[in-house]
C-alpha atoms as a PDB file:
ATOM      1  CA  MET A   1      20.697   1.467  -1.038  1.00  0.00           C
ATOM      2  CA  ALA A   2      19.363   4.745   0.404  1.00  0.00           C
ATOM      3  CA  GLN A   3      21.023   7.681  -1.672  1.00  0.00           C
ATOM      4  CA  ILE A   4      22.271  10.675   0.918  1.00  0.00           C
ATOM      5  CA  ILE A   5      21.641  14.334   0.168  1.00  0.00           C
ATOM      6  CA  HIS A   6      23.235  17.252   2.129  1.00  0.00           C
ATOM      7  CA  ALA A   7      21.260  20.132   3.779  1.00  0.00           C
ATOM      8  CA  LYS A   8      23.072  22.808   1.654  1.00  0.00           C
ATOM      9  CA  ASP A   9      21.914  20.847  -1.495  1.00  0.00           C
ATOM     10  CA  LEU A  10      18.522  20.657  -0.772  1.00  0.00           C
ATOM     11  CA  ARG A  11      16.014  22.012  -3.182  1.00  0.00           C
ATOM     12  CA  PRO A  12      12.156  23.209  -3.064  1.00  0.00           C
ATOM     13  CA  GLY A  13      10.675  19.892  -4.409  1.00  0.00           C
ATOM     14  CA  HIS A  14      13.290  17.611  -3.197  1.00  0.00           C
ATOM     15  CA  THR A  15      11.516  14.984  -0.024  1.00  0.00           C
ATOM     16  CA  PHE A  16      14.215  13.435   2.281  1.00  0.00           C
ATOM     17  CA  LEU A  17      13.558  11.310   5.462  1.00  0.00           C
ATOM     18  CA  TYR A  18      14.945  13.023   8.896  1.00  0.00           C
ATOM     19  CA  LYS A  19      13.674  12.475  12.757  1.00  0.00           C
ATOM     20  CA  ASN A  20      11.498   9.442  11.760  1.00  0.00           C
ATOM     21  CA  ASN A  21       9.470  11.520   8.546  1.00  0.00           C
ATOM     22  CA  ILE A  22       9.447  12.323   5.489  1.00  0.00           C
ATOM     23  CA  TYR A  23       9.677  16.122   4.422  1.00  0.00           C
ATOM     24  CA  LEU A  24       9.032  17.963   1.122  1.00  0.00           C
ATOM     25  CA  VAL A  25      11.105  20.871   0.944  1.00  0.00           C
ATOM     26  CA  ILE A  26       9.048  24.429   0.216  1.00  0.00           C
ATOM     27  CA  GLU A  27      11.415  26.335   0.248  1.00  0.00           C
ATOM     28  CA  ASN A  28      15.371  26.838   1.448  1.00  0.00           C
ATOM     29  CA  SER A  29      17.846  29.818   2.127  1.00  0.00           C
ATOM     30  CA  PHE A  30      21.894  28.803   2.795  1.00  0.00           C
ATOM     31  CA  ASN A  31      23.642  31.748   4.478  1.00  0.00           C
ATOM     32  CA  LYS A  32      27.430  31.744   4.642  1.00  0.00           C
ATOM     33  CA  THR A  33      29.234  33.327   7.198  1.00  0.00           C
ATOM     34  CA  ALA A  34      33.255  33.461   6.670  1.00  0.00           C
ATOM     35  CA  MET A  35      33.791  32.301   9.773  1.00  0.00           C
ATOM     36  CA  ARG A  36      31.584  29.424   9.988  1.00  0.00           C
ATOM     37  CA  GLU A  37      29.427  26.215   8.046  1.00  0.00           C
ATOM     38  CA  GLY A  38      26.452  27.995   6.324  1.00  0.00           C
ATOM     39  CA  ILE A  39      23.054  27.982   7.416  1.00  0.00           C
ATOM     40  CA  VAL A  40      20.353  25.997   6.147  1.00  0.00           C
ATOM     41  CA  LYS A  41      16.752  26.835   6.611  1.00  0.00           C
ATOM     42  CA  CYS A  42      14.080  24.899   5.104  1.00  0.00           C
ATOM     43  CA  LYS A  43      10.680  25.413   4.889  1.00  0.00           C
ATOM     44  CA  VAL A  44       8.901  21.883   5.301  1.00  0.00           C
ATOM     45  CA  LYS A  45       5.860  19.632   4.909  1.00  0.00           C
ATOM     46  CA  ASN A  46       5.637  16.625   6.950  1.00  0.00           C
ATOM     47  CA  LEU A  47       4.328  14.223   4.270  1.00  0.00           C
ATOM     48  CA  ARG A  48       3.078  12.468   7.051  1.00  0.00           C
ATOM     49  CA  ASN A  49       1.016  15.136   9.650  1.00  0.00           C
ATOM     50  CA  GLN A  50       0.622  17.132   7.001  1.00  0.00           C
ATOM     51  CA  SER A  51       2.630  20.149   9.178  1.00  0.00           C
ATOM     52  CA  ILE A  52       4.453  22.882   7.862  1.00  0.00           C
ATOM     53  CA  THR A  53       7.520  23.764   9.890  1.00  0.00           C
ATOM     54  CA  VAL A  54      11.272  25.277   9.473  1.00  0.00           C
ATOM     55  CA  GLU A  55      13.943  23.309   9.937  1.00  0.00           C
ATOM     56  CA  VAL A  56      17.060  23.951  10.811  1.00  0.00           C
ATOM     57  CA  LEU A  57      19.557  21.739   8.907  1.00  0.00           C
ATOM     58  CA  THR A  58      23.418  23.017   9.037  1.00  0.00           C
ATOM     59  CA  GLY A  59      25.643  20.316   8.438  1.00  0.00           C
ATOM     60  CA  GLU A  60      23.136  17.443   8.171  1.00  0.00           C
ATOM     61  CA  LYS A  61      23.827  14.948   5.914  1.00  0.00           C
ATOM     62  CA  LEU A  62      19.921  13.236   5.258  1.00  0.00           C
ATOM     63  CA  GLU A  63      18.725  10.190   3.575  1.00  0.00           C
ATOM     64  CA  GLN A  64      16.382  10.945   0.126  1.00  0.00           C
ATOM     65  CA  ALA A  65      13.425   9.535   0.521  1.00  0.00           C
ATOM     66  CA  ASN A  66      12.292   8.299  -3.124  1.00  0.00           C
ATOM     67  CA  VAL A  67       8.894   9.231  -2.940  1.00  0.00           C
ATOM     68  CA  LEU A  68       6.873   7.967  -5.696  1.00  0.00           C
ATOM     69  CA  LYS A  69       4.697  10.019  -7.878  1.00  0.00           C
ATOM     70  CA  LYS A  70       1.391   8.173  -9.861  1.00  0.00           C
ATOM     71  CA  LYS A  71      -0.925  10.321 -12.486  1.00  0.00           C
ATOM     72  CA  CYS A  72      -4.501   9.544 -10.812  1.00  0.00           C
ATOM     73  CA  SER A  73      -7.908  11.115 -11.363  1.00  0.00           C
ATOM     74  CA  PHE A  74     -10.207  11.993  -8.511  1.00  0.00           C
ATOM     75  CA  SER A  75     -13.245  10.060  -8.579  1.00  0.00           C
ATOM     76  CA  TYR A  76     -15.441  10.607  -5.367  1.00  0.00           C
ATOM     77  CA  VAL A  77     -15.862  10.991  -1.755  1.00  0.00           C
ATOM     78  CA  ASP A  78     -16.282   7.723   0.386  1.00  0.00           C
ATOM     79  CA  GLY A  79     -17.207   8.789   3.686  1.00  0.00           C
ATOM     80  CA  SER A  80     -14.151  10.379   5.001  1.00  0.00           C
ATOM     81  CA  ASN A  81     -11.932   9.007   2.125  1.00  0.00           C
ATOM     82  CA  TYR A  82     -11.442  10.901  -1.134  1.00  0.00           C
ATOM     83  CA  ILE A  83     -11.144   8.062  -3.748  1.00  0.00           C
ATOM     84  CA  PHE A  84      -8.635   8.382  -6.744  1.00  0.00           C
ATOM     85  CA  MET A  85      -8.448   6.341  -9.635  1.00  0.00           C
ATOM     86  CA  ASP A  86      -4.520   5.209 -11.465  1.00  0.00           C
ATOM     87  CA  LEU A  87      -4.938   6.384 -14.633  1.00  0.00           C
ATOM     88  CA  GLU A  88      -2.541   3.437 -16.028  1.00  0.00           C
ATOM     89  CA  ASN A  89      -3.847   0.391 -14.824  1.00  0.00           C
ATOM     90  CA  PHE A  90      -7.159   1.770 -13.177  1.00  0.00           C
ATOM     91  CA  GLU A  91      -6.133   0.791  -9.520  1.00  0.00           C
ATOM     92  CA  GLN A  92      -8.093   2.615  -6.466  1.00  0.00           C
ATOM     93  CA  TYR A  93      -6.184   4.815  -3.626  1.00  0.00           C
ATOM     94  CA  GLU A  94      -7.918   5.710  -0.513  1.00  0.00           C
ATOM     95  CA  ILE A  95      -6.248   9.035   0.743  1.00  0.00           C
ATOM     96  CA  PRO A  96      -8.206   9.650   4.407  1.00  0.00           C
ATOM     97  CA  SER A  97      -9.256  13.446   4.280  1.00  0.00           C
ATOM     98  CA  ASN A  98      -7.511  14.441   7.150  1.00  0.00           C
ATOM     99  CA  LYS A  99      -4.439  14.387   4.890  1.00  0.00           C
ATOM    100  CA  LEU A 100      -5.762  16.568   2.414  1.00  0.00           C
ATOM    101  CA  GLU A 101      -7.139  19.300   4.579  1.00  0.00           C
ATOM    102  CA  TRP A 102      -5.776  22.184   2.378  1.00  0.00           C
ATOM    103  CA  GLU A 103      -6.019  20.385  -0.717  1.00  0.00           C
ATOM    104  CA  LYS A 104      -9.254  18.858  -0.586  1.00  0.00           C
ATOM    105  CA  ASN A 105     -10.428  23.143  -1.085  1.00  0.00           C
ATOM    106  CA  PHE A 106      -9.513  22.574  -5.019  1.00  0.00           C
ATOM    107  CA  ILE A 107     -10.539  18.804  -5.744  1.00  0.00           C
ATOM    108  CA  VAL A 108     -13.152  18.038  -7.997  1.00  0.00           C
ATOM    109  CA  GLU A 109     -14.411  15.541  -9.475  1.00  0.00           C
ATOM    110  CA  GLY A 110     -11.815  14.385 -12.875  1.00  0.00           C
ATOM    111  CA  LEU A 111      -9.035  16.690 -12.144  1.00  0.00           C
ATOM    112  CA  GLU A 112      -5.809  14.629 -12.389  1.00  0.00           C
ATOM    113  CA  PHE A 113      -3.159  14.784  -9.644  1.00  0.00           C
ATOM    114  CA  ASN A 114      -0.200  13.291  -8.418  1.00  0.00           C
ATOM    115  CA  ILE A 115      -0.135  10.745  -5.769  1.00  0.00           C
ATOM    116  CA  MET A 116       2.926  10.291  -3.271  1.00  0.00           C
ATOM    117  CA  ILE A 117       3.603   6.933  -2.151  1.00  0.00           C
ATOM    118  CA  TYR A 118       6.675   5.890  -0.011  1.00  0.00           C
ATOM    119  CA  GLU A 119       7.242   2.819  -0.250  1.00  0.00           C
ATOM    120  CA  SER A 120       3.357   0.980  -0.027  1.00  0.00           C
ATOM    121  CA  GLU A 121       2.617   4.500   2.080  1.00  0.00           C
ATOM    122  CA  ILE A 122       0.181   6.875   0.850  1.00  0.00           C
ATOM    123  CA  LEU A 123       1.536  10.465   1.941  1.00  0.00           C
ATOM    124  CA  GLY A 124      -1.103  12.450   0.065  1.00  0.00           C
ATOM    125  CA  ILE A 125      -1.140  14.129  -3.363  1.00  0.00           C
ATOM    126  CA  TYR A 126       0.754  16.971  -5.107  1.00  0.00           C
ATOM    127  CA  LEU A 127      -1.717  20.095  -6.105  1.00  0.00           C
ATOM    128  CA  PRO A 128      -1.358  21.518  -9.101  1.00  0.00           C
ATOM    129  CA  ASP A 129       0.286  25.229  -9.156  1.00  0.00           C
ATOM    130  CA  GLN A 130      -3.327  26.559 -10.511  1.00  0.00           C
ATOM    131  CA  VAL A 131      -6.628  24.563 -11.100  1.00  0.00           C
ATOM    132  CA  THR A 132      -9.771  26.142 -12.718  1.00  0.00           C
ATOM    133  CA  LEU A 133     -12.701  25.668 -10.746  1.00  0.00           C
ATOM    134  CA  LYS A 134     -16.350  27.123 -10.931  1.00  0.00           C
ATOM    135  CA  ILE A 135     -17.795  29.941  -8.958  1.00  0.00           C
ATOM    136  CA  GLU A 136     -20.938  28.056  -6.948  1.00  0.00           C
ATOM    137  CA  PHE A 137     -21.760  31.887  -5.646  1.00  0.00           C
ATOM    138  CA  ALA A 138     -20.464  35.048  -6.178  1.00  0.00           C
ATOM    139  CA  GLU A 139     -21.982  38.385  -4.088  1.00  0.00           C
ATOM    140  CA  GLU A 140     -23.446  40.895  -6.121  1.00  0.00           C
ATOM    141  CA  ALA A 141     -21.121  43.443  -6.907  1.00  0.00           C
ATOM    142  CA  VAL A 142     -22.040  47.206  -5.464  1.00  0.00           C
ATOM    143  CA  GLN A 143     -22.878  50.056  -7.208  1.00  0.00           C
ATOM    144  CA  GLY A 144     -20.339  52.517  -7.042  1.00  0.00           C
ATOM    145  CA  ASN A 145     -17.439  50.817  -5.798  1.00  0.00           C
ATOM    146  CA  THR A 146     -15.216  52.065  -8.318  1.00  0.00           C
ATOM    147  CA  ALA A 147     -11.904  51.729  -5.983  1.00  0.00           C
ATOM    148  CA  GLN A 148      -9.083  49.770  -8.073  1.00  0.00           C
ATOM    149  CA  ALA A 149      -9.103  46.530  -6.056  1.00  0.00           C
ATOM    150  CA  ALA A 150     -12.499  46.129  -4.943  1.00  0.00           C
ATOM    151  CA  LEU A 151     -13.098  42.798  -4.106  1.00  0.00           C
ATOM    152  CA  LYS A 152     -16.075  40.941  -3.421  1.00  0.00           C
ATOM    153  CA  LYS A 153     -16.694  37.261  -1.657  1.00  0.00           C
ATOM    154  CA  ALA A 154     -17.270  34.490  -4.155  1.00  0.00           C
ATOM    155  CA  VAL A 155     -17.717  30.257  -3.454  1.00  0.00           C
ATOM    156  CA  LEU A 156     -16.080  27.771  -5.302  1.00  0.00           C
ATOM    157  CA  GLU A 157     -17.920  24.684  -6.081  1.00  0.00           C
ATOM    158  CA  THR A 158     -15.614  22.656  -3.469  1.00  0.00           C
ATOM    159  CA  GLY A 159     -17.371  24.954  -0.994  1.00  0.00           C
ATOM    160  CA  TYR A 160     -13.640  27.215  -0.546  1.00  0.00           C
ATOM    161  CA  GLU A 161     -14.284  30.928  -0.003  1.00  0.00           C
ATOM    162  CA  ILE A 162     -12.570  33.629  -1.951  1.00  0.00           C
ATOM    163  CA  ASN A 163     -12.036  37.369  -2.839  1.00  0.00           C
ATOM    164  CA  VAL A 164     -12.485  37.482  -6.026  1.00  0.00           C
ATOM    165  CA  PRO A 165     -13.042  41.649  -8.448  1.00  0.00           C
ATOM    166  CA  GLN A 166     -16.297  42.510  -8.776  1.00  0.00           C
ATOM    167  CA  PHE A 167     -16.891  41.482 -12.551  1.00  0.00           C
ATOM    168  CA  ILE A 168     -16.829  37.575 -11.989  1.00  0.00           C
ATOM    169  CA  LYS A 169     -20.220  36.667 -11.498  1.00  0.00           C
ATOM    170  CA  THR A 170     -22.242  33.329 -10.537  1.00  0.00           C
ATOM    171  CA  GLY A 171     -21.252  30.459 -13.041  1.00  0.00           C
ATOM    172  CA  GLU A 172     -17.911  31.519 -14.042  1.00  0.00           C
ATOM    173  CA  ASN A 173     -14.762  29.688 -14.076  1.00  0.00           C
ATOM    174  CA  VAL A 174     -11.932  30.437 -12.665  1.00  0.00           C
ATOM    175  CA  ILE A 175      -8.321  30.207 -12.029  1.00  0.00           C
ATOM    176  CA  ILE A 176      -7.095  29.597  -8.200  1.00  0.00           C
ATOM    177  CA  ASN A 177      -3.389  29.470  -6.993  1.00  0.00           C
ATOM    178  CA  THR A 178      -3.293  26.292  -4.940  1.00  0.00           C
ATOM    179  CA  SER A 179      -0.688  27.003  -2.961  1.00  0.00           C
ATOM    180  CA  ASN A 180      -2.350  30.321  -1.115  1.00  0.00           C
ATOM    181  CA  GLY A 181      -6.193  29.750  -2.540  1.00  0.00           C
ATOM    182  CA  GLU A 182      -6.332  32.998  -4.448  1.00  0.00           C
ATOM    183  CA  TYR A 183      -7.920  34.320  -7.577  1.00  0.00           C
ATOM    184  CA  ILE A 184      -5.111  34.051 -10.560  1.00  0.00           C
ATOM    185  CA  GLY A 185      -8.133  35.440 -12.994  1.00  0.00           C
ATOM    186  CA  ARG A 186     -11.066  33.853 -15.693  1.00  0.00           C
ATOM    187  CA  SER A 187     -10.717  31.193 -17.568  1.00  0.00           C
ATOM    188  CA  LYS A 188     -10.782  31.293 -20.694  1.00  0.00           C
ATOM    189  CA  ASN A 189     -12.468  27.591 -21.164  1.00  0.00           C
ATOM    190  CA  VAL A 190     -15.999  27.408 -20.294  1.00  0.00           C
END
């Protein structure tokens, strides 16, 4: 039996069915005024087409989507598909690269992810909040540029370009925030 959830009870991380799609709540706000019902605004990600929208769900009763999470390790790219291996039973899952437009900036061999599956449909992956990646190329530091927040361009091993502090060099490992793609700090692990 389907579990019903009221819009005002939605929180980041919840998944629900709405307009024949599966949505993941990224952010939500609830505004209650004295004379009327509260207004629920949710920033949501459509897990089928990867679009992010803001939905106003005032007074809605929604069907909760029970999205299964399977712990997998990224193995390799086969054409336009990313191949992940289940860490329990070694089953392989193929995810088309168009379902991983943002995520592929942070996927390297051996990293572990949770794959999202609804019924038998593979929806994509959950990124960890941060990942450690190697700097493939970093611009040289500019002499005399001593501004407190002086940044330079660098390219990660995935090909994703980021801004890093002047002291970061090619070959170093850095920690990246996967929600916005920004540099957090140097990795202590080499």
